[in-house]
Amino acid sequence: MSRTSPASFLKHASEVASFYGFKPMREIEREHAQLTDAKPMRRGNPVYSFESAAVLCAAQAALRPQEPVLGFYATPQPAFMPGTLSSREVGEFGLQVVGTGESVGEIVLLKTI
């Protein structure tokens, strides 16, 4: 059985998420900064977590309540990593759906996964 590296998995997962209409969190953050005339929350190479991605998507959805926000993040080092794994064996990928009906959001998530 061949093993997929975390980097190649994250790249593939990002491509699939983009195909189904999800945007990278850095793009959502850029759009949010433009709408609010605020500086982006993060500088350089941002690393997102579930919590920071959820807060950003909720803030973006509040600005445009008629449009759902579909975002994803991929990071080579998860915020919470089990101590038994090396950093070369793990990665974190997350999908966020905010501003849709519950069943629609679940369908989009399931289809993307």
PDB file of N, CA and C in Angstrom:
ATOM      1  N   MET A   1       0.835  -1.164   0.000  1.00  0.00           N
ATOM      2  CA  MET A   1       0.000   0.000   0.000  1.00  0.00           C
ATOM      3  C   MET A   1       0.890   1.240   0.000  1.00  0.00           C
ATOM      4  N   SER A   2       0.689   2.134  -0.951  1.00  0.00           N
ATOM      5  CA  SER A   2       1.506   3.337  -1.004  1.00  0.00           C
ATOM      6  C   SER A   2       0.932   4.397  -0.070  1.00  0.00           C
ATOM      7  N   ARG A   3       1.816   5.153   0.544  1.00  0.00           N
ATOM      8  CA  ARG A   3       1.386   6.205   1.462  1.00  0.00           C
ATOM      9  C   ARG A   3       1.416   7.538   0.747  1.00  0.00           C
ATOM     10  N   THR A   4       0.414   8.326   0.982  1.00  0.00           N
ATOM     11  CA  THR A   4       0.354   9.664   0.427  1.00  0.00           C
ATOM     12  C   THR A   4       0.932  10.626   1.445  1.00  0.00           C
ATOM     13  N   SER A   5       1.782  11.523   0.983  1.00  0.00           N
ATOM     14  CA  SER A   5       2.354  12.493   1.910  1.00  0.00           C
ATOM     15  C   SER A   5       1.285  13.519   2.284  1.00  0.00           C
ATOM     16  N   PRO A   6       1.405  14.114   3.464  1.00  0.00           N
ATOM     17  CA  PRO A   6       0.432  15.146   3.846  1.00  0.00           C
ATOM     18  C   PRO A   6       0.376  16.288   2.840  1.00  0.00           C
ATOM     19  N   ALA A   7       1.518  16.677   2.288  1.00  0.00           N
ATOM     20  CA  ALA A   7       1.536  17.792   1.330  1.00  0.00           C
ATOM     21  C   ALA A   7       0.750  17.453   0.065  1.00  0.00           C
ATOM     22  N   SER A   8       0.910  16.240  -0.460  1.00  0.00           N
ATOM     23  CA  SER A   8       0.172  15.877  -1.671  1.00  0.00           C
ATOM     24  C   SER A   8      -1.318  15.707  -1.375  1.00  0.00           C
ATOM     25  N   PHE A   9      -1.654  15.190  -0.182  1.00  0.00           N
ATOM     26  CA  PHE A   9      -3.065  15.086   0.190  1.00  0.00           C
ATOM     27  C   PHE A   9      -3.690  16.469   0.295  1.00  0.00           C
ATOM     28  N   LEU A  10      -3.012  17.408   0.964  1.00  0.00           N
ATOM     29  CA  LEU A  10      -3.557  18.755   1.130  1.00  0.00           C
ATOM     30  C   LEU A  10      -3.733  19.456  -0.210  1.00  0.00           C
ATOM     31  N   LYS A  11      -2.795  19.235  -1.131  1.00  0.00           N
ATOM     32  CA  LYS A  11      -2.911  19.834  -2.466  1.00  0.00           C
ATOM     33  C   LYS A  11      -4.128  19.277  -3.190  1.00  0.00           C
ATOM     34  N   HIS A  12      -4.292  17.966  -3.157  1.00  0.00           N
ATOM     35  CA  HIS A  12      -5.436  17.335  -3.817  1.00  0.00           C
ATOM     36  C   HIS A  12      -6.756  17.762  -3.170  1.00  0.00           C
ATOM     37  N   ALA A  13      -6.803  17.792  -1.854  1.00  0.00           N
ATOM     38  CA  ALA A  13      -8.014  18.202  -1.150  1.00  0.00           C
ATOM     39  C   ALA A  13      -8.373  19.646  -1.482  1.00  0.00           C
ATOM     40  N   SER A  14      -7.380  20.518  -1.602  1.00  0.00           N
ATOM     41  CA  SER A  14      -7.621  21.914  -1.966  1.00  0.00           C
ATOM     42  C   SER A  14      -8.187  22.035  -3.375  1.00  0.00           C
ATOM     43  N   GLU A  15      -7.682  21.234  -4.283  1.00  0.00           N
ATOM     44  CA  GLU A  15      -8.194  21.251  -5.662  1.00  0.00           C
ATOM     45  C   GLU A  15      -9.654  20.787  -5.714  1.00  0.00           C
ATOM     46  N   VAL A  16      -9.980  19.739  -4.970  1.00  0.00           N
ATOM     47  CA  VAL A  16     -11.356  19.236  -4.932  1.00  0.00           C
ATOM     48  C   VAL A  16     -12.281  20.283  -4.316  1.00  0.00           C
ATOM     49  N   ALA A  17     -11.862  20.890  -3.213  1.00  0.00           N
ATOM     50  CA  ALA A  17     -12.686  21.909  -2.561  1.00  0.00           C
ATOM     51  C   ALA A  17     -12.926  23.086  -3.504  1.00  0.00           C
ATOM     52  N   SER A  18     -11.906  23.517  -4.214  1.00  0.00           N
ATOM     53  CA  SER A  18     -12.063  24.619  -5.177  1.00  0.00           C
ATOM     54  C   SER A  18     -13.042  24.243  -6.281  1.00  0.00           C
ATOM     55  N   PHE A  19     -12.984  23.007  -6.730  1.00  0.00           N
ATOM     56  CA  PHE A  19     -13.900  22.537  -7.774  1.00  0.00           C
ATOM     57  C   PHE A  19     -15.356  22.665  -7.331  1.00  0.00           C
ATOM     58  N   TYR A  20     -15.628  22.411  -6.061  1.00  0.00           N
ATOM     59  CA  TYR A  20     -16.998  22.474  -5.544  1.00  0.00           C
ATOM     60  C   TYR A  20     -17.388  23.860  -5.024  1.00  0.00           C
ATOM     61  N   GLY A  21     -16.567  24.866  -5.300  1.00  0.00           N
ATOM     62  CA  GLY A  21     -16.943  26.234  -4.979  1.00  0.00           C
ATOM     63  C   GLY A  21     -16.402  26.796  -3.690  1.00  0.00           C
ATOM     64  N   PHE A  22     -15.558  26.064  -2.987  1.00  0.00           N
ATOM     65  CA  PHE A  22     -14.951  26.574  -1.764  1.00  0.00           C
ATOM     66  C   PHE A  22     -13.794  27.502  -2.135  1.00  0.00           C
ATOM     67  N   LYS A  23     -13.601  28.545  -1.342  1.00  0.00           N
ATOM     68  CA  LYS A  23     -12.504  29.484  -1.556  1.00  0.00           C
ATOM     69  C   LYS A  23     -11.479  29.315  -0.437  1.00  0.00           C
ATOM     70  N   PRO A  24     -10.202  29.546  -0.759  1.00  0.00           N
ATOM     71  CA  PRO A  24      -9.192  29.503   0.309  1.00  0.00           C
ATOM     72  C   PRO A  24      -9.475  30.590   1.349  1.00  0.00           C
ATOM     73  N   MET A  25      -9.167  30.315   2.594  1.00  0.00           N
ATOM     74  CA  MET A  25      -9.435  31.266   3.667  1.00  0.00           C
ATOM     75  C   MET A  25      -8.713  32.589   3.440  1.00  0.00           C
ATOM     76  N   ARG A  26      -7.519  32.562   2.868  1.00  0.00           N
ATOM     77  CA  ARG A  26      -6.799  33.821   2.630  1.00  0.00           C
ATOM     78  C   ARG A  26      -7.553  34.707   1.636  1.00  0.00           C
ATOM     79  N   GLU A  27      -8.254  34.094   0.675  1.00  0.00           N
ATOM     80  CA  GLU A  27      -9.062  34.862  -0.271  1.00  0.00           C
ATOM     81  C   GLU A  27     -10.294  35.459   0.421  1.00  0.00           C
ATOM     82  N   ILE A  28     -10.926  34.689   1.276  1.00  0.00           N
ATOM     83  CA  ILE A  28     -12.080  35.196   2.036  1.00  0.00           C
ATOM     84  C   ILE A  28     -11.630  36.328   2.949  1.00  0.00           C
ATOM     85  N   GLU A  29     -10.469  36.167   3.561  1.00  0.00           N
ATOM     86  CA  GLU A  29      -9.948  37.218   4.439  1.00  0.00           C
ATOM     87  C   GLU A  29      -9.672  38.500   3.656  1.00  0.00           C
ATOM     88  N   ARG A  30      -9.121  38.368   2.450  1.00  0.00           N
ATOM     89  CA  ARG A  30      -8.861  39.519   1.593  1.00  0.00           C
ATOM     90  C   ARG A  30     -10.162  40.228   1.230  1.00  0.00           C
ATOM     91  N   GLU A  31     -11.188  39.455   0.836  1.00  0.00           N
ATOM     92  CA  GLU A  31     -12.493  40.033   0.503  1.00  0.00           C
ATOM     93  C   GLU A  31     -13.097  40.731   1.711  1.00  0.00           C
ATOM     94  N   HIS A  32     -12.979  40.109   2.875  1.00  0.00           N
ATOM     95  CA  HIS A  32     -13.522  40.691   4.100  1.00  0.00           C
ATOM     96  C   HIS A  32     -12.841  42.025   4.413  1.00  0.00           C
ATOM     97  N   ALA A  33     -11.533  42.089   4.240  1.00  0.00           N
ATOM     98  CA  ALA A  33     -10.787  43.323   4.493  1.00  0.00           C
ATOM     99  C   ALA A  33     -11.215  44.421   3.527  1.00  0.00           C
ATOM    100  N   GLN A  34     -11.486  44.065   2.273  1.00  0.00           N
ATOM    101  CA  GLN A  34     -11.933  45.055   1.290  1.00  0.00           C
ATOM    102  C   GLN A  34     -13.324  45.578   1.628  1.00  0.00           C
ATOM    103  N   LEU A  35     -14.213  44.715   2.071  1.00  0.00           N
ATOM    104  CA  LEU A  35     -15.576  45.132   2.402  1.00  0.00           C
ATOM    105  C   LEU A  35     -15.633  46.007   3.642  1.00  0.00           C
ATOM    106  N   THR A  36     -14.740  45.787   4.563  1.00  0.00           N
ATOM    107  CA  THR A  36     -14.774  46.524   5.829  1.00  0.00           C
ATOM    108  C   THR A  36     -13.727  47.626   5.903  1.00  0.00           C
ATOM    109  N   ASP A  37     -12.930  47.790   4.852  1.00  0.00           N
ATOM    110  CA  ASP A  37     -11.827  48.758   4.847  1.00  0.00           C
ATOM    111  C   ASP A  37     -10.884  48.541   6.021  1.00  0.00           C
ATOM    112  N   ALA A  38     -10.739  47.312   6.407  1.00  0.00           N
ATOM    113  CA  ALA A  38      -9.850  46.963   7.515  1.00  0.00           C
ATOM    114  C   ALA A  38      -8.620  46.253   6.968  1.00  0.00           C
ATOM    115  N   LYS A  39      -7.593  46.192   7.767  1.00  0.00           N
ATOM    116  CA  LYS A  39      -6.404  45.447   7.383  1.00  0.00           C
ATOM    117  C   LYS A  39      -6.692  43.965   7.556  1.00  0.00           C
ATOM    118  N   PRO A  40      -6.079  43.117   6.708  1.00  0.00           N
ATOM    119  CA  PRO A  40      -6.242  41.677   6.915  1.00  0.00           C
ATOM    120  C   PRO A  40      -5.830  41.283   8.327  1.00  0.00           C
ATOM    121  N   MET A  41      -6.505  40.273   8.860  1.00  0.00           N
ATOM    122  CA  MET A  41      -6.239  39.838  10.230  1.00  0.00           C
ATOM    123  C   MET A  41      -4.850  39.245  10.391  1.00  0.00           C
ATOM    124  N   ARG A  42      -4.319  38.669   9.328  1.00  0.00           N
ATOM    125  CA  ARG A  42      -3.027  37.984   9.404  1.00  0.00           C
ATOM    126  C   ARG A  42      -2.120  38.507   8.308  1.00  0.00           C
ATOM    127  N   ARG A  43      -0.844  38.432   8.539  1.00  0.00           N
ATOM    128  CA  ARG A  43       0.131  38.868   7.543  1.00  0.00           C
ATOM    129  C   ARG A  43       1.073  37.708   7.227  1.00  0.00           C
ATOM    130  N   GLY A  44       1.726  37.800   6.085  1.00  0.00           N
ATOM    131  CA  GLY A  44       2.673  36.759   5.717  1.00  0.00           C
ATOM    132  C   GLY A  44       1.955  35.489   5.312  1.00  0.00           C
ATOM    133  N   ASN A  45       2.448  34.364   5.765  1.00  0.00           N
ATOM    134  CA  ASN A  45       1.880  33.067   5.437  1.00  0.00           C
ATOM    135  C   ASN A  45       0.951  32.637   6.569  1.00  0.00           C
ATOM    136  N   PRO A  46      -0.343  32.939   6.459  1.00  0.00           N
ATOM    137  CA  PRO A  46      -1.239  32.637   7.572  1.00  0.00           C
ATOM    138  C   PRO A  46      -1.467  31.140   7.752  1.00  0.00           C
ATOM    139  N   VAL A  47      -1.592  30.748   8.990  1.00  0.00           N
ATOM    140  CA  VAL A  47      -1.957  29.383   9.327  1.00  0.00           C
ATOM    141  C   VAL A  47      -3.307  29.454  10.021  1.00  0.00           C
ATOM    142  N   TYR A  48      -4.292  28.814   9.440  1.00  0.00           N
ATOM    143  CA  TYR A  48      -5.642  28.860   9.979  1.00  0.00           C
ATOM    144  C   TYR A  48      -5.920  27.618  10.812  1.00  0.00           C
ATOM    145  N   SER A  49      -6.824  27.782  11.738  1.00  0.00           N
ATOM    146  CA  SER A  49      -7.318  26.669  12.532  1.00  0.00           C
ATOM    147  C   SER A  49      -8.828  26.627  12.329  1.00  0.00           C
ATOM    148  N   PHE A  50      -9.460  25.614  12.872  1.00  0.00           N
ATOM    149  CA  PHE A  50     -10.915  25.524  12.763  1.00  0.00           C
ATOM    150  C   PHE A  50     -11.564  26.774  13.330  1.00  0.00           C
ATOM    151  N   GLU A  51     -11.086  27.207  14.495  1.00  0.00           N
ATOM    152  CA  GLU A  51     -11.685  28.364  15.169  1.00  0.00           C
ATOM    153  C   GLU A  51     -11.511  29.647  14.370  1.00  0.00           C
ATOM    154  N   SER A  52     -10.298  29.932  13.900  1.00  0.00           N
ATOM    155  CA  SER A  52     -10.077  31.179  13.164  1.00  0.00           C
ATOM    156  C   SER A  52     -10.825  31.173  11.835  1.00  0.00           C
ATOM    157  N   ALA A  53     -10.919  30.017  11.187  1.00  0.00           N
ATOM    158  CA  ALA A  53     -11.662  29.916   9.927  1.00  0.00           C
ATOM    159  C   ALA A  53     -13.153  30.116  10.163  1.00  0.00           C
ATOM    160  N   ALA A  54     -13.687  29.549  11.238  1.00  0.00           N
ATOM    161  CA  ALA A  54     -15.111  29.706  11.545  1.00  0.00           C
ATOM    162  C   ALA A  54     -15.459  31.154  11.841  1.00  0.00           C
ATOM    163  N   VAL A  55     -14.604  31.836  12.603  1.00  0.00           N
ATOM    164  CA  VAL A  55     -14.849  33.246  12.942  1.00  0.00           C
ATOM    165  C   VAL A  55     -14.821  34.099  11.679  1.00  0.00           C
ATOM    166  N   LEU A  56     -13.847  33.877  10.825  1.00  0.00           N
ATOM    167  CA  LEU A  56     -13.733  34.651   9.593  1.00  0.00           C
ATOM    168  C   LEU A  56     -14.924  34.415   8.669  1.00  0.00           C
ATOM    169  N   CYS A  57     -15.346  33.167   8.508  1.00  0.00           N
ATOM    170  CA  CYS A  57     -16.495  32.860   7.644  1.00  0.00           C
ATOM    171  C   CYS A  57     -17.784  33.463   8.209  1.00  0.00           C
ATOM    172  N   ALA A  58     -17.954  33.413   9.513  1.00  0.00           N
ATOM    173  CA  ALA A  58     -19.147  34.000  10.127  1.00  0.00           C
ATOM    174  C   ALA A  58     -19.161  35.516   9.944  1.00  0.00           C
ATOM    175  N   ALA A  59     -18.007  36.160  10.082  1.00  0.00           N
ATOM    176  CA  ALA A  59     -17.921  37.611   9.888  1.00  0.00           C
ATOM    177  C   ALA A  59     -18.232  37.974   8.440  1.00  0.00           C
ATOM    178  N   GLN A  60     -17.743  37.191   7.511  1.00  0.00           N
ATOM    179  CA  GLN A  60     -18.014  37.443   6.085  1.00  0.00           C
ATOM    180  C   GLN A  60     -19.485  37.213   5.772  1.00  0.00           C
ATOM    181  N   ALA A  61     -20.082  36.191   6.344  1.00  0.00           N
ATOM    182  CA  ALA A  61     -21.500  35.902   6.109  1.00  0.00           C
ATOM    183  C   ALA A  61     -22.379  37.010   6.685  1.00  0.00           C
ATOM    184  N   ALA A  62     -21.956  37.620   7.782  1.00  0.00           N
ATOM    185  CA  ALA A  62     -22.726  38.713   8.379  1.00  0.00           C
ATOM    186  C   ALA A  62     -22.746  39.932   7.463  1.00  0.00           C
ATOM    187  N   LEU A  63     -21.660  40.129   6.712  1.00  0.00           N
ATOM    188  CA  LEU A  63     -21.606  41.272   5.780  1.00  0.00           C
ATOM    189  C   LEU A  63     -22.450  41.050   4.536  1.00  0.00           C
ATOM    190  N   ARG A  64     -22.574  39.811   4.124  1.00  0.00           N
ATOM    191  CA  ARG A  64     -23.349  39.457   2.928  1.00  0.00           C
ATOM    192  C   ARG A  64     -24.305  38.314   3.276  1.00  0.00           C
ATOM    193  N   PRO A  65     -25.398  38.619   3.970  1.00  0.00           N
ATOM    194  CA  PRO A  65     -26.290  37.550   4.434  1.00  0.00           C
ATOM    195  C   PRO A  65     -26.981  36.774   3.314  1.00  0.00           C
ATOM    196  N   GLN A  66     -27.060  37.342   2.132  1.00  0.00           N
ATOM    197  CA  GLN A  66     -27.723  36.652   1.031  1.00  0.00           C
ATOM    198  C   GLN A  66     -26.807  35.645   0.319  1.00  0.00           C
ATOM    199  N   GLU A  67     -25.510  35.670   0.617  1.00  0.00           N
ATOM    200  CA  GLU A  67     -24.553  34.780  -0.032  1.00  0.00           C
ATOM    201  C   GLU A  67     -23.937  33.818   0.978  1.00  0.00           C
ATOM    202  N   PRO A  68     -23.989  32.519   0.713  1.00  0.00           N
ATOM    203  CA  PRO A  68     -23.303  31.589   1.617  1.00  0.00           C
ATOM    204  C   PRO A  68     -21.789  31.730   1.474  1.00  0.00           C
ATOM    205  N   VAL A  69     -21.089  31.423   2.521  1.00  0.00           N
ATOM    206  CA  VAL A  69     -19.627  31.466   2.507  1.00  0.00           C
ATOM    207  C   VAL A  69     -19.124  30.034   2.580  1.00  0.00           C
ATOM    208  N   LEU A  70     -18.357  29.645   1.577  1.00  0.00           N
ATOM    209  CA  LEU A  70     -17.743  28.322   1.548  1.00  0.00           C
ATOM    210  C   LEU A  70     -16.237  28.525   1.537  1.00  0.00           C
ATOM    211  N   GLY A  71     -15.595  28.125   2.612  1.00  0.00           N
ATOM    212  CA  GLY A  71     -14.158  28.326   2.727  1.00  0.00           C
ATOM    213  C   GLY A  71     -13.436  27.058   3.123  1.00  0.00           C
ATOM    214  N   PHE A  72     -12.148  27.016   2.793  1.00  0.00           N
ATOM    215  CA  PHE A  72     -11.326  25.886   3.213  1.00  0.00           C
ATOM    216  C   PHE A  72      -9.951  26.386   3.619  1.00  0.00           C
ATOM    217  N   TYR A  73      -9.306  25.607   4.447  1.00  0.00           N
ATOM    218  CA  TYR A  73      -7.921  25.885   4.819  1.00  0.00           C
ATOM    219  C   TYR A  73      -7.160  24.566   4.834  1.00  0.00           C
ATOM    220  N   ALA A  74      -5.890  24.666   4.545  1.00  0.00           N
ATOM    221  CA  ALA A  74      -5.000  23.510   4.572  1.00  0.00           C
ATOM    222  C   ALA A  74      -3.702  23.966   5.215  1.00  0.00           C
ATOM    223  N   THR A  75      -3.246  23.230   6.179  1.00  0.00           N
ATOM    224  CA  THR A  75      -2.005  23.584   6.862  1.00  0.00           C
ATOM    225  C   THR A  75      -1.185  22.323   7.115  1.00  0.00           C
ATOM    226  N   PRO A  76       0.124  22.417   6.925  1.00  0.00           N
ATOM    227  CA  PRO A  76       0.964  21.239   7.128  1.00  0.00           C
ATOM    228  C   PRO A  76       1.122  20.848   8.590  1.00  0.00           C
ATOM    229  N   GLN A  77       0.835  21.759   9.509  1.00  0.00           N
ATOM    230  CA  GLN A  77       0.941  21.415  10.927  1.00  0.00           C
ATOM    231  C   GLN A  77      -0.347  21.796  11.639  1.00  0.00           C
ATOM    232  N   PRO A  78      -1.101  20.811  12.103  1.00  0.00           N
ATOM    233  CA  PRO A  78      -2.355  21.111  12.788  1.00  0.00           C
ATOM    234  C   PRO A  78      -2.124  21.828  14.112  1.00  0.00           C
ATOM    235  N   ALA A  79      -3.148  22.549  14.528  1.00  0.00           N
ATOM    236  CA  ALA A  79      -3.059  23.271  15.800  1.00  0.00           C
ATOM    237  C   ALA A  79      -2.891  22.302  16.970  1.00  0.00           C
ATOM    238  N   PHE A  80      -3.572  21.177  16.913  1.00  0.00           N
ATOM    239  CA  PHE A  80      -3.484  20.180  17.979  1.00  0.00           C
ATOM    240  C   PHE A  80      -3.004  18.878  17.365  1.00  0.00           C
ATOM    241  N   MET A  81      -1.766  18.507  17.668  1.00  0.00           N
ATOM    242  CA  MET A  81      -1.175  17.327  17.070  1.00  0.00           C
ATOM    243  C   MET A  81      -0.863  16.302  18.151  1.00  0.00           C
ATOM    244  N   PRO A  82      -1.284  15.055  17.937  1.00  0.00           N
ATOM    245  CA  PRO A  82      -0.942  14.017  18.903  1.00  0.00           C
ATOM    246  C   PRO A  82       0.573  13.903  19.055  1.00  0.00           C
ATOM    247  N   GLY A  83       1.021  13.701  20.248  1.00  0.00           N
ATOM    248  CA  GLY A  83       2.450  13.631  20.515  1.00  0.00           C
ATOM    249  C   GLY A  83       3.141  12.425  19.915  1.00  0.00           C
ATOM    250  N   THR A  84       2.386  11.425  19.500  1.00  0.00           N
ATOM    251  CA  THR A  84       2.986  10.204  18.963  1.00  0.00           C
ATOM    252  C   THR A  84       3.325  10.304  17.481  1.00  0.00           C
ATOM    253  N   LEU A  85       2.901  11.376  16.815  1.00  0.00           N
ATOM    254  CA  LEU A  85       3.155  11.527  15.383  1.00  0.00           C
ATOM    255  C   LEU A  85       4.221  12.583  15.133  1.00  0.00           C
ATOM    256  N   SER A  86       4.996  12.376  14.075  1.00  0.00           N
ATOM    257  CA  SER A  86       5.967  13.402  13.702  1.00  0.00           C
ATOM    258  C   SER A  86       5.283  14.421  12.798  1.00  0.00           C
ATOM    259  N   SER A  87       5.845  15.610  12.740  1.00  0.00           N
ATOM    260  CA  SER A  87       5.226  16.674  11.945  1.00  0.00           C
ATOM    261  C   SER A  87       5.240  16.370  10.452  1.00  0.00           C
ATOM    262  N   ARG A  88       6.041  15.421  10.000  1.00  0.00           N
ATOM    263  CA  ARG A  88       6.059  15.057   8.588  1.00  0.00           C
ATOM    264  C   ARG A  88       4.932  14.095   8.215  1.00  0.00           C
ATOM    265  N   GLU A  89       4.240  13.553   9.205  1.00  0.00           N
ATOM    266  CA  GLU A  89       3.193  12.571   8.949  1.00  0.00           C
ATOM    267  C   GLU A  89       1.786  13.145   9.021  1.00  0.00           C
ATOM    268  N   VAL A  90       1.646  14.428   9.339  1.00  0.00           N
ATOM    269  CA  VAL A  90       0.311  14.976   9.556  1.00  0.00           C
ATOM    270  C   VAL A  90       0.107  16.280   8.793  1.00  0.00           C
ATOM    271  N   GLY A  91      -1.129  16.640   8.655  1.00  0.00           N
ATOM    272  CA  GLY A  91      -1.549  17.905   8.075  1.00  0.00           C
ATOM    273  C   GLY A  91      -2.980  18.133   8.522  1.00  0.00           C
ATOM    274  N   GLU A  92      -3.497  19.324   8.297  1.00  0.00           N
ATOM    275  CA  GLU A  92      -4.871  19.616   8.686  1.00  0.00           C
ATOM    276  C   GLU A  92      -5.586  20.285   7.526  1.00  0.00           C
ATOM    277  N   PHE A  93      -6.792  19.815   7.245  1.00  0.00           N
ATOM    278  CA  PHE A  93      -7.616  20.370   6.183  1.00  0.00           C
ATOM    279  C   PHE A  93      -9.005  20.590   6.750  1.00  0.00           C
ATOM    280  N   GLY A  94      -9.567  21.745   6.500  1.00  0.00           N
ATOM    281  CA  GLY A  94     -10.887  22.044   7.042  1.00  0.00           C
ATOM    282  C   GLY A  94     -11.778  22.723   6.028  1.00  0.00           C
ATOM    283  N   LEU A  95     -13.057  22.409   6.105  1.00  0.00           N
ATOM    284  CA  LEU A  95     -14.083  23.035   5.266  1.00  0.00           C
ATOM    285  C   LEU A  95     -15.043  23.790   6.167  1.00  0.00           C
ATOM    286  N   GLN A  96     -15.473  24.967   5.734  1.00  0.00           N
ATOM    287  CA  GLN A  96     -16.437  25.779   6.473  1.00  0.00           C
ATOM    288  C   GLN A  96     -17.584  26.136   5.535  1.00  0.00           C
ATOM    289  N   VAL A  97     -18.810  25.934   5.983  1.00  0.00           N
ATOM    290  CA  VAL A  97     -19.998  26.351   5.245  1.00  0.00           C
ATOM    291  C   VAL A  97     -20.832  27.186   6.209  1.00  0.00           C
ATOM    292  N   VAL A  98     -21.035  28.459   5.862  1.00  0.00           N
ATOM    293  CA  VAL A  98     -21.793  29.375   6.715  1.00  0.00           C
ATOM    294  C   VAL A  98     -22.802  30.107   5.835  1.00  0.00           C
ATOM    295  N   GLY A  99     -24.025  30.211   6.330  1.00  0.00           N
ATOM    296  CA  GLY A  99     -25.034  30.992   5.617  1.00  0.00           C
ATOM    297  C   GLY A  99     -25.944  30.193   4.715  1.00  0.00           C
ATOM    298  N   THR A 100     -26.030  28.894   4.940  1.00  0.00           N
ATOM    299  CA  THR A 100     -26.952  28.060   4.170  1.00  0.00           C
ATOM    300  C   THR A 100     -27.884  27.339   5.143  1.00  0.00           C
ATOM    301  N   GLY A 101     -28.944  26.784   4.590  1.00  0.00           N
ATOM    302  CA  GLY A 101     -29.788  25.930   5.407  1.00  0.00           C
ATOM    303  C   GLY A 101     -28.999  24.709   5.829  1.00  0.00           C
ATOM    304  N   GLU A 102     -29.360  24.142   6.944  1.00  0.00           N
ATOM    305  CA  GLU A 102     -28.590  23.031   7.507  1.00  0.00           C
ATOM    306  C   GLU A 102     -28.398  21.889   6.512  1.00  0.00           C
ATOM    307  N   SER A 103     -29.465  21.450   5.867  1.00  0.00           N
ATOM    308  CA  SER A 103     -29.337  20.304   4.973  1.00  0.00           C
ATOM    309  C   SER A 103     -28.521  20.647   3.733  1.00  0.00           C
ATOM    310  N   VAL A 104     -28.632  21.871   3.230  1.00  0.00           N
ATOM    311  CA  VAL A 104     -27.851  22.266   2.056  1.00  0.00           C
ATOM    312  C   VAL A 104     -26.366  22.276   2.401  1.00  0.00           C
ATOM    313  N   GLY A 105     -26.026  22.842   3.548  1.00  0.00           N
ATOM    314  CA  GLY A 105     -24.635  22.854   3.977  1.00  0.00           C
ATOM    315  C   GLY A 105     -24.073  21.457   4.134  1.00  0.00           C
ATOM    316  N   GLU A 106     -24.849  20.566   4.717  1.00  0.00           N
ATOM    317  CA  GLU A 106     -24.401  19.183   4.894  1.00  0.00           C
ATOM    318  C   GLU A 106     -24.214  18.490   3.553  1.00  0.00           C
ATOM    319  N   ILE A 107     -25.113  18.733   2.620  1.00  0.00           N
ATOM    320  CA  ILE A 107     -24.989  18.109   1.292  1.00  0.00           C
ATOM    321  C   ILE A 107     -23.720  18.580   0.596  1.00  0.00           C
ATOM    322  N   VAL A 108     -23.454  19.876   0.647  1.00  0.00           N
ATOM    323  CA  VAL A 108     -22.255  20.420   0.019  1.00  0.00           C
ATOM    324  C   VAL A 108     -21.007  19.825   0.668  1.00  0.00           C
ATOM    325  N   LEU A 109     -20.980  19.739   1.985  1.00  0.00           N
ATOM    326  CA  LEU A 109     -19.834  19.139   2.670  1.00  0.00           C
ATOM    327  C   LEU A 109     -19.638  17.677   2.294  1.00  0.00           C
ATOM    328  N   LEU A 110     -20.720  16.920   2.313  1.00  0.00           N
ATOM    329  CA  LEU A 110     -20.623  15.495   1.985  1.00  0.00           C
ATOM    330  C   LEU A 110     -20.176  15.276   0.534  1.00  0.00           C
ATOM    331  N   LYS A 111     -20.692  16.048  -0.366  1.00  0.00           N
ATOM    332  CA  LYS A 111     -20.315  15.912  -1.780  1.00  0.00           C
ATOM    333  C   LYS A 111     -18.831  16.238  -1.958  1.00  0.00           C
ATOM    334  N   THR A 112     -18.365  17.264  -1.283  1.00  0.00           N
ATOM    335  CA  THR A 112     -16.969  17.658  -1.403  1.00  0.00           C
ATOM    336  C   THR A 112     -16.048  16.607  -0.794  1.00  0.00           C
ATOM    337  N   ILE A 113     -16.454  16.061   0.359  1.00  0.00           N
ATOM    338  CA  ILE A 113     -15.622  15.038   0.997  1.00  0.00           C
ATOM    339  C   ILE A 113     -15.563  13.798   0.116  1.00  0.00           C
TER     340      ILE A 113
END
